[in-house]
PDB file of N, CA and C in Angstrom:
ATOM      1  N   MET A   1       9.859  -9.286 -16.700  1.00  0.00           N
ATOM      2  CA  MET A   1       9.008  -9.932 -15.799  1.00  0.00           C
ATOM      3  C   MET A   1       8.570  -9.020 -14.685  1.00  0.00           C
ATOM      4  N   ALA A   2       9.455  -8.179 -14.174  1.00  0.00           N
ATOM      5  CA  ALA A   2       9.135  -7.233 -13.108  1.00  0.00           C
ATOM      6  C   ALA A   2       8.032  -6.263 -13.540  1.00  0.00           C
ATOM      7  N   ARG A   3       8.055  -5.849 -14.812  1.00  0.00           N
ATOM      8  CA  ARG A   3       7.023  -4.902 -15.333  1.00  0.00           C
ATOM      9  C   ARG A   3       5.687  -5.547 -15.287  1.00  0.00           C
ATOM     10  N   VAL A   4       5.656  -6.840 -15.690  1.00  0.00           N
ATOM     11  CA  VAL A   4       4.419  -7.632 -15.708  1.00  0.00           C
ATOM     12  C   VAL A   4       3.778  -7.710 -14.337  1.00  0.00           C
ATOM     13  N   LEU A   5       4.635  -8.025 -13.352  1.00  0.00           N
ATOM     14  CA  LEU A   5       4.139  -8.128 -11.935  1.00  0.00           C
ATOM     15  C   LEU A   5       3.678  -6.818 -11.397  1.00  0.00           C
ATOM     16  N   CYS A   6       4.404  -5.750 -11.740  1.00  0.00           N
ATOM     17  CA  CYS A   6       4.030  -4.399 -11.344  1.00  0.00           C
ATOM     18  C   CYS A   6       2.687  -4.013 -11.910  1.00  0.00           C
ATOM     19  N   ALA A   7       2.527  -4.314 -13.213  1.00  0.00           N
ATOM     20  CA  ALA A   7       1.293  -3.963 -13.863  1.00  0.00           C
ATOM     21  C   ALA A   7       0.084  -4.730 -13.307  1.00  0.00           C
ATOM     22  N   ALA A   8       0.383  -6.014 -13.034  1.00  0.00           N
ATOM     23  CA  ALA A   8      -0.721  -6.800 -12.415  1.00  0.00           C
ATOM     24  C   ALA A   8      -1.130  -6.348 -11.012  1.00  0.00           C
ATOM     25  N   GLY A   9      -0.144  -5.921 -10.257  1.00  0.00           N
ATOM     26  CA  GLY A   9      -0.421  -5.414  -8.940  1.00  0.00           C
ATOM     27  C   GLY A   9      -1.184  -4.073  -8.992  1.00  0.00           C
ATOM     28  N   THR A  10      -0.769  -3.227  -9.902  1.00  0.00           N
ATOM     29  CA  THR A  10      -1.448  -1.926 -10.089  1.00  0.00           C
ATOM     30  C   THR A  10      -2.902  -2.155 -10.549  1.00  0.00           C
ATOM     31  N   ARG A  11      -3.116  -3.111 -11.444  1.00  0.00           N
ATOM     32  CA  ARG A  11      -4.429  -3.470 -11.879  1.00  0.00           C
ATOM     33  C   ARG A  11      -5.294  -3.918 -10.735  1.00  0.00           C
ATOM     34  N   GLU A  12      -4.742  -4.804  -9.938  1.00  0.00           N
ATOM     35  CA  GLU A  12      -5.443  -5.373  -8.759  1.00  0.00           C
ATOM     36  C   GLU A  12      -5.884  -4.253  -7.765  1.00  0.00           C
ATOM     37  N   ILE A  13      -4.967  -3.322  -7.500  1.00  0.00           N
ATOM     38  CA  ILE A  13      -5.291  -2.217  -6.627  1.00  0.00           C
ATOM     39  C   ILE A  13      -6.367  -1.308  -7.182  1.00  0.00           C
ATOM     40  N   LEU A  14      -6.278  -0.955  -8.451  1.00  0.00           N
ATOM     41  CA  LEU A  14      -7.288  -0.177  -9.084  1.00  0.00           C
ATOM     42  C   LEU A  14      -8.662  -0.807  -9.131  1.00  0.00           C
ATOM     43  N   GLU A  15      -8.706  -2.100  -9.459  1.00  0.00           N
ATOM     44  CA  GLU A  15      -9.984  -2.874  -9.507  1.00  0.00           C
ATOM     45  C   GLU A  15     -10.612  -2.898  -8.128  1.00  0.00           C
ATOM     46  N   ALA A  16      -9.809  -3.136  -7.100  1.00  0.00           N
ATOM     47  CA  ALA A  16     -10.361  -3.204  -5.752  1.00  0.00           C
ATOM     48  C   ALA A  16     -10.889  -1.863  -5.322  1.00  0.00           C
ATOM     49  N   TRP A  17     -10.148  -0.779  -5.619  1.00  0.00           N
ATOM     50  CA  TRP A  17     -10.589   0.599  -5.305  1.00  0.00           C
ATOM     51  C   TRP A  17     -11.884   0.914  -6.009  1.00  0.00           C
ATOM     52  N   LEU A  18     -11.952   0.662  -7.313  1.00  0.00           N
ATOM     53  CA  LEU A  18     -13.125   0.989  -8.093  1.00  0.00           C
ATOM     54  C   LEU A  18     -14.357   0.166  -7.646  1.00  0.00           C
ATOM     55  N   ASP A  19     -14.155  -1.035  -7.190  1.00  0.00           N
ATOM     56  CA  ASP A  19     -15.176  -1.972  -6.725  1.00  0.00           C
ATOM     57  C   ASP A  19     -15.609  -1.661  -5.276  1.00  0.00           C
ATOM     58  N   GLY A  20     -14.852  -0.801  -4.661  1.00  0.00           N
ATOM     59  CA  GLY A  20     -15.166  -0.502  -3.212  1.00  0.00           C
ATOM     60  C   GLY A  20     -14.711  -1.586  -2.279  1.00  0.00           C
ATOM     61  N   LYS A  21     -13.753  -2.417  -2.708  1.00  0.00           N
ATOM     62  CA  LYS A  21     -13.244  -3.529  -1.877  1.00  0.00           C
ATOM     63  C   LYS A  21     -11.921  -3.087  -1.265  1.00  0.00           C
ATOM     64  N   PRO A  22     -11.574  -3.706  -0.063  1.00  0.00           N
ATOM     65  CA  PRO A  22     -10.314  -3.389   0.495  1.00  0.00           C
ATOM     66  C   PRO A  22      -9.120  -3.751  -0.262  1.00  0.00           C
ATOM     67  N   ILE A  23      -8.100  -2.973  -0.172  1.00  0.00           N
ATOM     68  CA  ILE A  23      -6.813  -3.219  -0.856  1.00  0.00           C
ATOM     69  C   ILE A  23      -6.031  -4.091   0.045  1.00  0.00           C
ATOM     70  N   ARG A  24      -5.375  -5.158  -0.501  1.00  0.00           N
ATOM     71  CA  ARG A  24      -4.573  -6.046   0.342  1.00  0.00           C
ATOM     72  C   ARG A  24      -3.500  -5.323   1.122  1.00  0.00           C
ATOM     73  N   ASP A  25      -3.234  -5.746   2.314  1.00  0.00           N
ATOM     74  CA  ASP A  25      -2.265  -5.096   3.251  1.00  0.00           C
ATOM     75  C   ASP A  25      -0.900  -5.018   2.547  1.00  0.00           C
ATOM     76  N   GLU A  26      -0.516  -5.965   1.739  1.00  0.00           N
ATOM     77  CA  GLU A  26       0.812  -5.928   1.084  1.00  0.00           C
ATOM     78  C   GLU A  26       1.015  -4.687   0.214  1.00  0.00           C
ATOM     79  N   TYR A  27      -0.066  -4.156  -0.242  1.00  0.00           N
ATOM     80  CA  TYR A  27       0.016  -3.004  -1.146  1.00  0.00           C
ATOM     81  C   TYR A  27      -0.104  -1.625  -0.433  1.00  0.00           C
ATOM     82  N   LEU A  28      -0.547  -1.696   0.862  1.00  0.00           N
ATOM     83  CA  LEU A  28      -0.825  -0.420   1.541  1.00  0.00           C
ATOM     84  C   LEU A  28       0.530   0.193   2.027  1.00  0.00           C
ATOM     85  N   ILE A  29       0.552   1.522   1.964  1.00  0.00           N
ATOM     86  CA  ILE A  29       1.646   2.311   2.446  1.00  0.00           C
ATOM     87  C   ILE A  29       1.121   3.179   3.604  1.00  0.00           C
ATOM     88  N   VAL A  30      -0.016   3.761   3.420  1.00  0.00           N
ATOM     89  CA  VAL A  30      -0.711   4.584   4.408  1.00  0.00           C
ATOM     90  C   VAL A  30      -2.158   4.222   4.451  1.00  0.00           C
ATOM     91  N   ALA A  31      -2.751   4.167   5.677  1.00  0.00           N
ATOM     92  CA  ALA A  31      -4.205   3.994   5.829  1.00  0.00           C
ATOM     93  C   ALA A  31      -4.631   4.778   7.005  1.00  0.00           C
ATOM     94  N   GLY A  32      -5.604   5.605   6.843  1.00  0.00           N
ATOM     95  CA  GLY A  32      -6.115   6.452   7.937  1.00  0.00           C
ATOM     96  C   GLY A  32      -5.086   7.442   8.484  1.00  0.00           C
ATOM     97  N   GLY A  33      -4.185   7.844   7.609  1.00  0.00           N
ATOM     98  CA  GLY A  33      -3.166   8.827   7.971  1.00  0.00           C
ATOM     99  C   GLY A  33      -1.943   8.269   8.691  1.00  0.00           C
ATOM    100  N   ALA A  34      -1.867   6.968   8.930  1.00  0.00           N
ATOM    101  CA  ALA A  34      -0.748   6.327   9.554  1.00  0.00           C
ATOM    102  C   ALA A  34      -0.108   5.316   8.640  1.00  0.00           C
ATOM    103  N   PRO A  35       1.177   5.071   8.812  1.00  0.00           N
ATOM    104  CA  PRO A  35       1.820   4.020   8.008  1.00  0.00           C
ATOM    105  C   PRO A  35       1.059   2.636   8.172  1.00  0.00           C
ATOM    106  N   ALA A  36       0.937   1.934   7.068  1.00  0.00           N
ATOM    107  CA  ALA A  36       0.240   0.657   7.059  1.00  0.00           C
ATOM    108  C   ALA A  36       0.974  -0.369   6.160  1.00  0.00           C
ATOM    109  N   GLY A  37       0.633  -1.592   6.290  1.00  0.00           N
ATOM    110  CA  GLY A  37       1.249  -2.593   5.404  1.00  0.00           C
ATOM    111  C   GLY A  37       2.780  -2.527   5.466  1.00  0.00           C
ATOM    112  N   ALA A  38       3.408  -2.593   4.330  1.00  0.00           N
ATOM    113  CA  ALA A  38       4.883  -2.509   4.282  1.00  0.00           C
ATOM    114  C   ALA A  38       5.358  -1.204   4.803  1.00  0.00           C
ATOM    115  N   GLY A  39       4.586  -0.169   4.593  1.00  0.00           N
ATOM    116  CA  GLY A  39       5.003   1.212   5.069  1.00  0.00           C
ATOM    117  C   GLY A  39       5.145   1.240   6.590  1.00  0.00           C
ATOM    118  N   ALA A  40       4.353   0.467   7.309  1.00  0.00           N
ATOM    119  CA  ALA A  40       4.388   0.437   8.783  1.00  0.00           C
ATOM    120  C   ALA A  40       5.736  -0.131   9.261  1.00  0.00           C
ATOM    121  N   TYR A  41       6.376  -0.950   8.432  1.00  0.00           N
ATOM    122  CA  TYR A  41       7.657  -1.511   8.886  1.00  0.00           C
ATOM    123  C   TYR A  41       8.881  -0.780   8.334  1.00  0.00           C
ATOM    124  N   SER A  42       8.615   0.069   7.320  1.00  0.00           N
ATOM    125  CA  SER A  42       9.736   0.713   6.671  1.00  0.00           C
ATOM    126  C   SER A  42       9.834   2.225   7.096  1.00  0.00           C
ATOM    127  N   CYS A  43       8.872   2.714   7.880  1.00  0.00           N
ATOM    128  CA  CYS A  43       8.846   4.125   8.266  1.00  0.00           C
ATOM    129  C   CYS A  43       8.876   4.193   9.817  1.00  0.00           C
ATOM    130  N   SER A  44       9.458   5.213  10.347  1.00  0.00           N
ATOM    131  CA  SER A  44       9.471   5.392  11.745  1.00  0.00           C
ATOM    132  C   SER A  44       8.452   6.452  12.120  1.00  0.00           C
ATOM    133  N   THR A  45       7.735   6.254  13.204  1.00  0.00           N
ATOM    134  CA  THR A  45       6.793   7.312  13.681  1.00  0.00           C
ATOM    135  C   THR A  45       7.178   7.812  15.070  1.00  0.00           C
ATOM    136  N   ALA A  46       8.477   7.632  15.410  1.00  0.00           N
ATOM    137  CA  ALA A  46       8.931   8.073  16.728  1.00  0.00           C
ATOM    138  C   ALA A  46       8.931   9.622  16.803  1.00  0.00           C
ATOM    139  N   PRO A  47       8.614  10.167  17.976  1.00  0.00           N
ATOM    140  CA  PRO A  47       8.642  11.623  18.123  1.00  0.00           C
ATOM    141  C   PRO A  47       9.998  12.235  17.683  1.00  0.00           C
ATOM    142  N   GLY A  48       9.903  13.308  16.961  1.00  0.00           N
ATOM    143  CA  GLY A  48      11.122  13.940  16.459  1.00  0.00           C
ATOM    144  C   GLY A  48      11.594  13.498  15.117  1.00  0.00           C
ATOM    145  N   ASP A  49      11.079  12.416  14.604  1.00  0.00           N
ATOM    146  CA  ASP A  49      11.379  11.958  13.269  1.00  0.00           C
ATOM    147  C   ASP A  49      10.752  12.794  12.270  1.00  0.00           C
ATOM    148  N   SER A  50      11.363  13.067  11.107  1.00  0.00           N
ATOM    149  CA  SER A  50      10.743  13.819  10.067  1.00  0.00           C
ATOM    150  C   SER A  50      11.010  13.229   8.761  1.00  0.00           C
TER     151      SER A  50
END
């Protein structure tokens, strides 16, 4: 079941990108060079972090 959901999400992302439509925030990791979507909550951007 997890593979089916992953494949469906991947397809949705690719179709949006190919159609020039925005990708849903849930799928974003980085946007404009900064953490976005789930990535914004799972990554730290504090000075000194690497």
